[in-house]
PDB file of N, CA and C in Angstrom:
ATOM      1  N   UNK A   1      49.878 -70.079 107.437  1.00  0.00           N
ATOM      2  CA  UNK A   1      50.726 -69.096 106.365  1.00  0.00           C
ATOM      3  C   UNK A   1      50.352 -69.319 105.047  1.00  0.00           C
ATOM      4  N   UNK A   2      49.913 -70.807 104.906  1.00  0.00           N
ATOM      5  CA  UNK A   2      49.530 -71.144 103.667  1.00  0.00           C
ATOM      6  C   UNK A   2      48.255 -70.443 103.058  1.00  0.00           C
ATOM      7  N   UNK A   3      47.119 -70.256 103.996  1.00  0.00           N
ATOM      8  CA  UNK A   3      46.085 -69.298 103.680  1.00  0.00           C
ATOM      9  C   UNK A   3      46.167 -68.141 103.298  1.00  0.00           C
ATOM     10  N   UNK A   4      47.389 -67.318 104.073  1.00  0.00           N
ATOM     11  CA  UNK A   4      47.605 -66.116 103.734  1.00  0.00           C
ATOM     12  C   UNK A   4      48.217 -65.826 102.323  1.00  0.00           C
ATOM     13  N   UNK A   5      49.174 -66.749 102.099  1.00  0.00           N
ATOM     14  CA  UNK A   5      49.764 -66.976 100.888  1.00  0.00           C
ATOM     15  C   UNK A   5      48.788 -66.974  99.508  1.00  0.00           C
ATOM     16  N   UNK A   6      47.920 -67.853  99.729  1.00  0.00           N
ATOM     17  CA  UNK A   6      46.822 -68.198  98.782  1.00  0.00           C
ATOM     18  C   UNK A   6      46.042 -66.841  98.608  1.00  0.00           C
ATOM     19  N   UNK A   7      45.604 -66.277  99.724  1.00  0.00           N
ATOM     20  CA  UNK A   7      44.875 -65.046  99.466  1.00  0.00           C
ATOM     21  C   UNK A   7      45.677 -63.853  98.670  1.00  0.00           C
ATOM     22  N   UNK A   8      47.199 -63.831  99.069  1.00  0.00           N
ATOM     23  CA  UNK A   8      47.840 -62.667  98.529  1.00  0.00           C
ATOM     24  C   UNK A   8      48.111 -63.097  96.994  1.00  0.00           C
ATOM     25  N   UNK A   9      48.142 -64.315  96.594  1.00  0.00           N
ATOM     26  CA  UNK A   9      48.113 -64.870  95.463  1.00  0.00           C
ATOM     27  C   UNK A   9      46.738 -64.354  94.619  1.00  0.00           C
ATOM     28  N   UNK A  10      45.636 -64.740  95.218  1.00  0.00           N
ATOM     29  CA  UNK A  10      44.327 -64.580  94.710  1.00  0.00           C
ATOM     30  C   UNK A  10      44.034 -62.961  94.441  1.00  0.00           C
ATOM     31  N   UNK A  11      44.568 -62.262  95.318  1.00  0.00           N
ATOM     32  CA  UNK A  11      44.337 -60.816  95.403  1.00  0.00           C
ATOM     33  C   UNK A  11      45.111 -60.092  94.394  1.00  0.00           C
ATOM     34  N   UNK A  12      46.427 -60.672  94.220  1.00  0.00           N
ATOM     35  CA  UNK A  12      47.207 -60.153  93.111  1.00  0.00           C
ATOM     36  C   UNK A  12      46.752 -60.417  91.733  1.00  0.00           C
ATOM     37  N   UNK A  13      46.217 -61.613  91.549  1.00  0.00           N
ATOM     38  CA  UNK A  13      45.582 -62.199  90.196  1.00  0.00           C
ATOM     39  C   UNK A  13      44.522 -61.286  89.907  1.00  0.00           C
ATOM     40  N   UNK A  14      43.658 -61.022  90.927  1.00  0.00           N
ATOM     41  CA  UNK A  14      42.454 -60.153  90.732  1.00  0.00           C
ATOM     42  C   UNK A  14      42.771 -58.683  90.203  1.00  0.00           C
ATOM     43  N   UNK A  15      43.811 -58.136  90.845  1.00  0.00           N
ATOM     44  CA  UNK A  15      44.236 -56.809  90.465  1.00  0.00           C
ATOM     45  C   UNK A  15      44.863 -56.844  89.082  1.00  0.00           C
ATOM     46  N   UNK A  16      45.473 -57.900  88.772  1.00  0.00           N
ATOM     47  CA  UNK A  16      46.063 -57.928  87.276  1.00  0.00           C
ATOM     48  C   UNK A  16      45.100 -57.959  86.308  1.00  0.00           C
ATOM     49  N   UNK A  17      43.880 -58.591  86.729  1.00  0.00           N
ATOM     50  CA  UNK A  17      42.711 -58.829  85.836  1.00  0.00           C
ATOM     51  C   UNK A  17      41.943 -57.436  85.643  1.00  0.00           C
ATOM     52  N   UNK A  18      41.968 -56.978  86.773  1.00  0.00           N
ATOM     53  CA  UNK A  18      41.351 -55.369  86.668  1.00  0.00           C
ATOM     54  C   UNK A  18      41.976 -54.399  85.995  1.00  0.00           C
ATOM     55  N   UNK A  19      43.597 -54.419  86.265  1.00  0.00           N
ATOM     56  CA  UNK A  19      44.203 -53.621  85.195  1.00  0.00           C
ATOM     57  C   UNK A  19      44.078 -53.832  83.851  1.00  0.00           C
ATOM     58  N   UNK A  20      44.246 -55.064  83.498  1.00  0.00           N
ATOM     59  CA  UNK A  20      44.018 -55.284  81.990  1.00  0.00           C
ATOM     60  C   UNK A  20      42.681 -55.241  81.506  1.00  0.00           C
ATOM     61  N   UNK A  21      41.683 -55.198  82.183  1.00  0.00           N
ATOM     62  CA  UNK A  21      40.333 -54.929  81.867  1.00  0.00           C
ATOM     63  C   UNK A  21      40.215 -53.473  81.639  1.00  0.00           C
ATOM     64  N   UNK A  22      40.789 -52.773  82.588  1.00  0.00           N
ATOM     65  CA  UNK A  22      40.698 -51.343  82.687  1.00  0.00           C
ATOM     66  C   UNK A  22      41.311 -50.767  81.336  1.00  0.00           C
ATOM     67  N   UNK A  23      42.450 -51.426  81.008  1.00  0.00           N
ATOM     68  CA  UNK A  23      43.212 -50.997  79.798  1.00  0.00           C
ATOM     69  C   UNK A  23      42.545 -50.887  78.597  1.00  0.00           C
ATOM     70  N   UNK A  24      42.064 -52.283  78.619  1.00  0.00           N
ATOM     71  CA  UNK A  24      41.276 -52.694  77.181  1.00  0.00           C
ATOM     72  C   UNK A  24      40.012 -51.990  77.271  1.00  0.00           C
ATOM     73  N   UNK A  25      39.170 -51.736  78.221  1.00  0.00           N
ATOM     74  CA  UNK A  25      38.044 -50.749  77.977  1.00  0.00           C
ATOM     75  C   UNK A  25      38.331 -49.531  77.881  1.00  0.00           C
ATOM     76  N   UNK A  26      39.651 -48.957  78.191  1.00  0.00           N
ATOM     77  CA  UNK A  26      39.741 -47.471  77.733  1.00  0.00           C
ATOM     78  C   UNK A  26      39.916 -47.167  76.368  1.00  0.00           C
ATOM     79  N   UNK A  27      40.283 -48.288  75.723  1.00  0.00           N
ATOM     80  CA  UNK A  27      40.371 -48.182  74.275  1.00  0.00           C
ATOM     81  C   UNK A  27      38.810 -48.080  73.998  1.00  0.00           C
ATOM     82  N   UNK A  28      37.952 -48.543  74.255  1.00  0.00           N
ATOM     83  CA  UNK A  28      36.539 -48.446  73.980  1.00  0.00           C
ATOM     84  C   UNK A  28      35.555 -47.575  74.410  1.00  0.00           C
ATOM     85  N   UNK A  29      35.926 -47.230  75.803  1.00  0.00           N
ATOM     86  CA  UNK A  29      34.908 -46.328  76.464  1.00  0.00           C
ATOM     87  C   UNK A  29      35.979 -45.375  77.339  1.00  0.00           C
ATOM     88  N   UNK A  30      36.695 -44.298  76.430  1.00  0.00           N
ATOM     89  CA  UNK A  30      37.708 -43.681  76.850  1.00  0.00           C
ATOM     90  C   UNK A  30      37.056 -42.725  77.953  1.00  0.00           C
ATOM     91  N   UNK A  31      35.776 -42.120  78.032  1.00  0.00           N
ATOM     92  CA  UNK A  31      35.211 -41.059  78.969  1.00  0.00           C
ATOM     93  C   UNK A  31      35.027 -42.071  80.342  1.00  0.00           C
ATOM     94  N   UNK A  32      34.695 -43.294  80.314  1.00  0.00           N
ATOM     95  CA  UNK A  32      34.538 -44.101  81.630  1.00  0.00           C
ATOM     96  C   UNK A  32      33.407 -43.758  82.610  1.00  0.00           C
ATOM     97  N   UNK A  33      32.239 -43.502  82.104  1.00  0.00           N
ATOM     98  CA  UNK A  33      30.965 -43.269  82.419  1.00  0.00           C
ATOM     99  C   UNK A  33      30.145 -44.491  82.812  1.00  0.00           C
ATOM    100  N   UNK A  34      30.680 -45.522  82.284  1.00  0.00           N
ATOM    101  CA  UNK A  34      29.896 -46.848  82.668  1.00  0.00           C
ATOM    102  C   UNK A  34      30.310 -47.405  83.897  1.00  0.00           C
ATOM    103  N   UNK A  35      29.432 -47.798  84.749  1.00  0.00           N
ATOM    104  CA  UNK A  35      29.628 -48.340  86.096  1.00  0.00           C
ATOM    105  C   UNK A  35      30.798 -49.306  86.130  1.00  0.00           C
ATOM    106  N   UNK A  36      30.851 -50.189  85.205  1.00  0.00           N
ATOM    107  CA  UNK A  36      32.055 -51.213  85.310  1.00  0.00           C
ATOM    108  C   UNK A  36      33.281 -50.684  85.035  1.00  0.00           C
ATOM    109  N   UNK A  37      33.609 -49.449  84.471  1.00  0.00           N
ATOM    110  CA  UNK A  37      34.695 -48.807  84.201  1.00  0.00           C
ATOM    111  C   UNK A  37      35.093 -47.858  85.484  1.00  0.00           C
ATOM    112  N   UNK A  38      33.948 -47.379  86.132  1.00  0.00           N
ATOM    113  CA  UNK A  38      34.130 -46.689  87.253  1.00  0.00           C
ATOM    114  C   UNK A  38      34.495 -47.618  88.330  1.00  0.00           C
ATOM    115  N   UNK A  39      34.134 -48.735  88.363  1.00  0.00           N
ATOM    116  CA  UNK A  39      34.551 -49.813  89.540  1.00  0.00           C
ATOM    117  C   UNK A  39      36.034 -50.079  89.373  1.00  0.00           C
ATOM    118  N   UNK A  40      36.476 -50.420  87.907  1.00  0.00           N
ATOM    119  CA  UNK A  40      37.741 -50.849  87.628  1.00  0.00           C
ATOM    120  C   UNK A  40      38.585 -49.483  87.916  1.00  0.00           C
ATOM    121  N   UNK A  41      38.241 -48.324  87.747  1.00  0.00           N
ATOM    122  CA  UNK A  41      39.203 -47.250  87.972  1.00  0.00           C
ATOM    123  C   UNK A  41      39.229 -47.204  89.521  1.00  0.00           C
ATOM    124  N   UNK A  42      38.027 -47.172  90.293  1.00  0.00           N
ATOM    125  CA  UNK A  42      38.254 -47.121  91.835  1.00  0.00           C
ATOM    126  C   UNK A  42      39.322 -48.055  92.287  1.00  0.00           C
ATOM    127  N   UNK A  43      39.124 -49.400  91.839  1.00  0.00           N
ATOM    128  CA  UNK A  43      39.954 -50.403  92.263  1.00  0.00           C
ATOM    129  C   UNK A  43      41.580 -50.293  91.983  1.00  0.00           C
ATOM    130  N   UNK A  44      41.793 -49.907  90.664  1.00  0.00           N
ATOM    131  CA  UNK A  44      43.143 -49.642  90.124  1.00  0.00           C
ATOM    132  C   UNK A  44      43.845 -48.323  90.384  1.00  0.00           C
ATOM    133  N   UNK A  45      43.219 -47.400  90.525  1.00  0.00           N
ATOM    134  CA  UNK A  45      43.695 -45.976  90.629  1.00  0.00           C
ATOM    135  C   UNK A  45      44.853 -45.878  91.757  1.00  0.00           C
ATOM    136  N   UNK A  46      44.640 -46.520  92.903  1.00  0.00           N
ATOM    137  CA  UNK A  46      45.801 -46.478  93.849  1.00  0.00           C
ATOM    138  C   UNK A  46      47.024 -47.193  93.381  1.00  0.00           C
ATOM    139  N   UNK A  47      46.958 -47.838  92.279  1.00  0.00           N
ATOM    140  CA  UNK A  47      48.312 -48.405  91.855  1.00  0.00           C
ATOM    141  C   UNK A  47      48.852 -47.536  90.568  1.00  0.00           C
ATOM    142  N   UNK A  48      47.729 -47.137  89.812  1.00  0.00           N
ATOM    143  CA  UNK A  48      48.055 -46.542  88.463  1.00  0.00           C
ATOM    144  C   UNK A  48      48.492 -45.211  88.617  1.00  0.00           C
ATOM    145  N   UNK A  49      47.787 -44.453  89.307  1.00  0.00           N
ATOM    146  CA  UNK A  49      47.865 -42.868  89.409  1.00  0.00           C
ATOM    147  C   UNK A  49      49.310 -42.569  89.789  1.00  0.00           C
ATOM    148  N   UNK A  50      49.873 -43.163  91.061  1.00  0.00           N
ATOM    149  CA  UNK A  50      51.215 -42.568  91.440  1.00  0.00           C
ATOM    150  C   UNK A  50      52.227 -42.955  90.301  1.00  0.00           C
ATOM    151  N   UNK A  51      51.963 -44.434  89.684  1.00  0.00           N
ATOM    152  CA  UNK A  51      53.032 -44.506  88.492  1.00  0.00           C
ATOM    153  C   UNK A  51      53.070 -43.618  87.442  1.00  0.00           C
ATOM    154  N   UNK A  52      51.884 -43.139  87.021  1.00  0.00           N
ATOM    155  CA  UNK A  52      51.549 -42.235  85.940  1.00  0.00           C
ATOM    156  C   UNK A  52      52.316 -40.746  86.215  1.00  0.00           C
ATOM    157  N   UNK A  53      52.504 -40.456  87.583  1.00  0.00           N
ATOM    158  CA  UNK A  53      53.366 -39.426  87.883  1.00  0.00           C
ATOM    159  C   UNK A  53      54.720 -39.335  87.480  1.00  0.00           C
ATOM    160  N   UNK A  54      55.459 -40.596  87.674  1.00  0.00           N
ATOM    161  CA  UNK A  54      56.699 -40.938  87.304  1.00  0.00           C
ATOM    162  C   UNK A  54      57.180 -41.553  86.012  1.00  0.00           C
ATOM    163  N   UNK A  55      56.143 -42.109  85.361  1.00  0.00           N
ATOM    164  CA  UNK A  55      56.572 -42.715  84.064  1.00  0.00           C
ATOM    165  C   UNK A  55      55.725 -42.283  83.077  1.00  0.00           C
ATOM    166  N   UNK A  56      56.512 -41.576  82.127  1.00  0.00           N
ATOM    167  CA  UNK A  56      55.963 -40.881  81.103  1.00  0.00           C
ATOM    168  C   UNK A  56      55.345 -41.725  80.049  1.00  0.00           C
ATOM    169  N   UNK A  57      54.362 -41.215  79.374  1.00  0.00           N
ATOM    170  CA  UNK A  57      53.690 -41.823  78.337  1.00  0.00           C
ATOM    171  C   UNK A  57      54.468 -41.866  76.935  1.00  0.00           C
ATOM    172  N   UNK A  58      54.497 -42.958  76.243  1.00  0.00           N
ATOM    173  CA  UNK A  58      55.136 -42.683  74.855  1.00  0.00           C
ATOM    174  C   UNK A  58      54.030 -42.773  73.734  1.00  0.00           C
ATOM    175  N   UNK A  59      53.943 -41.273  73.273  1.00  0.00           N
ATOM    176  CA  UNK A  59      52.851 -40.934  72.499  1.00  0.00           C
ATOM    177  C   UNK A  59      51.438 -41.216  73.231  1.00  0.00           C
ATOM    178  N   UNK A  60      50.635 -42.018  72.698  1.00  0.00           N
ATOM    179  CA  UNK A  60      49.470 -42.527  73.218  1.00  0.00           C
ATOM    180  C   UNK A  60      49.545 -43.608  73.913  1.00  0.00           C
ATOM    181  N   UNK A  61      50.499 -44.268  74.264  1.00  0.00           N
ATOM    182  CA  UNK A  61      50.614 -45.466  75.045  1.00  0.00           C
ATOM    183  C   UNK A  61      51.128 -45.057  76.332  1.00  0.00           C
ATOM    184  N   UNK A  62      50.058 -45.448  77.342  1.00  0.00           N
ATOM    185  CA  UNK A  62      50.324 -45.458  78.750  1.00  0.00           C
ATOM    186  C   UNK A  62      50.956 -46.627  79.382  1.00  0.00           C
ATOM    187  N   UNK A  63      52.221 -46.654  79.644  1.00  0.00           N
ATOM    188  CA  UNK A  63      52.937 -47.739  80.229  1.00  0.00           C
ATOM    189  C   UNK A  63      52.776 -48.083  81.757  1.00  0.00           C
ATOM    190  N   UNK A  64      52.031 -47.183  82.328  1.00  0.00           N
ATOM    191  CA  UNK A  64      51.610 -47.287  83.978  1.00  0.00           C
ATOM    192  C   UNK A  64      51.087 -48.867  84.319  1.00  0.00           C
ATOM    193  N   UNK A  65      50.091 -49.184  83.405  1.00  0.00           N
ATOM    194  CA  UNK A  65      49.438 -50.409  83.780  1.00  0.00           C
ATOM    195  C   UNK A  65      50.378 -51.582  83.350  1.00  0.00           C
ATOM    196  N   UNK A  66      51.161 -51.452  82.602  1.00  0.00           N
ATOM    197  CA  UNK A  66      52.330 -52.699  82.242  1.00  0.00           C
ATOM    198  C   UNK A  66      53.059 -52.619  83.753  1.00  0.00           C
ATOM    199  N   UNK A  67      53.571 -51.576  84.129  1.00  0.00           N
ATOM    200  CA  UNK A  67      54.532 -51.322  85.177  1.00  0.00           C
ATOM    201  C   UNK A  67      53.889 -51.767  86.574  1.00  0.00           C
ATOM    202  N   UNK A  68      52.631 -51.663  86.670  1.00  0.00           N
ATOM    203  CA  UNK A  68      51.821 -51.944  87.840  1.00  0.00           C
ATOM    204  C   UNK A  68      51.717 -53.379  87.873  1.00  0.00           C
ATOM    205  N   UNK A  69      51.467 -54.088  86.882  1.00  0.00           N
ATOM    206  CA  UNK A  69      51.337 -55.482  86.645  1.00  0.00           C
ATOM    207  C   UNK A  69      52.641 -56.131  87.120  1.00  0.00           C
ATOM    208  N   UNK A  70      53.771 -55.405  86.513  1.00  0.00           N
ATOM    209  CA  UNK A  70      55.143 -55.979  86.981  1.00  0.00           C
ATOM    210  C   UNK A  70      55.350 -55.995  88.473  1.00  0.00           C
ATOM    211  N   UNK A  71      55.106 -54.858  88.862  1.00  0.00           N
ATOM    212  CA  UNK A  71      55.325 -54.644  90.206  1.00  0.00           C
ATOM    213  C   UNK A  71      54.346 -55.519  91.167  1.00  0.00           C
ATOM    214  N   UNK A  72      53.258 -55.632  91.021  1.00  0.00           N
ATOM    215  CA  UNK A  72      52.404 -56.588  91.523  1.00  0.00           C
ATOM    216  C   UNK A  72      52.863 -58.047  91.518  1.00  0.00           C
ATOM    217  N   UNK A  73      53.391 -58.539  90.552  1.00  0.00           N
ATOM    218  CA  UNK A  73      53.919 -59.756  90.478  1.00  0.00           C
ATOM    219  C   UNK A  73      55.219 -59.973  91.295  1.00  0.00           C
ATOM    220  N   UNK A  74      56.068 -58.832  91.274  1.00  0.00           N
ATOM    221  CA  UNK A  74      57.233 -58.933  92.087  1.00  0.00           C
ATOM    222  C   UNK A  74      56.995 -58.789  93.635  1.00  0.00           C
ATOM    223  N   UNK A  75      56.146 -58.025  93.904  1.00  0.00           N
ATOM    224  CA  UNK A  75      55.594 -57.936  95.514  1.00  0.00           C
ATOM    225  C   UNK A  75      55.086 -59.280  95.816  1.00  0.00           C
ATOM    226  N   UNK A  76      54.199 -59.804  94.808  1.00  0.00           N
ATOM    227  CA  UNK A  76      53.405 -60.967  95.290  1.00  0.00           C
ATOM    228  C   UNK A  76      54.643 -62.041  95.507  1.00  0.00           C
ATOM    229  N   UNK A  77      55.478 -62.150  94.688  1.00  0.00           N
ATOM    230  CA  UNK A  77      56.684 -63.092  94.696  1.00  0.00           C
ATOM    231  C   UNK A  77      57.522 -62.995  96.055  1.00  0.00           C
ATOM    232  N   UNK A  78      57.643 -61.948  96.370  1.00  0.00           N
ATOM    233  CA  UNK A  78      58.472 -61.517  97.586  1.00  0.00           C
ATOM    234  C   UNK A  78      57.795 -61.937  99.039  1.00  0.00           C
ATOM    235  N   UNK A  79      56.367 -61.587  98.902  1.00  0.00           N
ATOM    236  CA  UNK A  79      55.657 -61.740 100.143  1.00  0.00           C
ATOM    237  C   UNK A  79      55.539 -63.242 100.276  1.00  0.00           C
ATOM    238  N   UNK A  80      54.964 -63.957  99.189  1.00  0.00           N
ATOM    239  CA  UNK A  80      54.760 -65.576  99.158  1.00  0.00           C
ATOM    240  C   UNK A  80      56.127 -66.157  99.631  1.00  0.00           C
ATOM    241  N   UNK A  81      57.173 -65.773  99.040  1.00  0.00           N
ATOM    242  CA  UNK A  81      58.489 -66.288  99.429  1.00  0.00           C
ATOM    243  C   UNK A  81      59.009 -66.169 100.992  1.00  0.00           C
ATOM    244  N   UNK A  82      58.436 -64.902 101.437  1.00  0.00           N
ATOM    245  CA  UNK A  82      58.703 -64.502 102.782  1.00  0.00           C
ATOM    246  C   UNK A  82      57.745 -65.525 103.703  1.00  0.00           C
ATOM    247  N   UNK A  83      56.529 -65.564 103.294  1.00  0.00           N
ATOM    248  CA  UNK A  83      55.664 -66.277 104.199  1.00  0.00           C
ATOM    249  C   UNK A  83      55.952 -67.749 103.974  1.00  0.00           C
ATOM    250  N   UNK A  84      56.422 -68.318 102.874  1.00  0.00           N
ATOM    251  CA  UNK A  84      56.761 -69.839 102.867  1.00  0.00           C
ATOM    252  C   UNK A  84      57.915 -69.821 103.746  1.00  0.00           C
ATOM    253  N   UNK A  85      59.028 -69.003 103.831  1.00  0.00           N
ATOM    254  CA  UNK A  85      60.097 -69.353 104.667  1.00  0.00           C
ATOM    255  C   UNK A  85      59.808 -69.192 106.092  1.00  0.00           C
ATOM    256  N   UNK A  86      58.886 -68.240 106.515  1.00  0.00           N
ATOM    257  CA  UNK A  86      58.427 -68.205 107.847  1.00  0.00           C
ATOM    258  C   UNK A  86      57.621 -69.293 108.317  1.00  0.00           C
ATOM    259  N   UNK A  87      56.849 -69.889 107.502  1.00  0.00           N
ATOM    260  CA  UNK A  87      56.000 -71.122 107.733  1.00  0.00           C
ATOM    261  C   UNK A  87      56.804 -72.338 108.012  1.00  0.00           C
ATOM    262  N   UNK A  88      57.857 -72.466 107.381  1.00  0.00           N
ATOM    263  CA  UNK A  88      58.560 -73.729 107.022  1.00  0.00           C
ATOM    264  C   UNK A  88      59.179 -74.531 108.285  1.00  0.00           C
TER     265      UNK A  88
END
């Protein structure tokens, strides 16, 4: 169970980094034709696009990446706590 918990922890950390990088790069490369931007978009769209449908933007500020990071951290905590309790 510890191996699975470590994998989930690593996966969520990688997704958070991808979301942050995507948000930062969107300020500099708004069109997103760069291969790195396309990869980040492909990885993060399944998390961010559904949130954009329900979370309104505040002016030019898109809050969906922030909400996605918070949700990832909450899910990670719940899953790791569940795995720790099950393995105990």
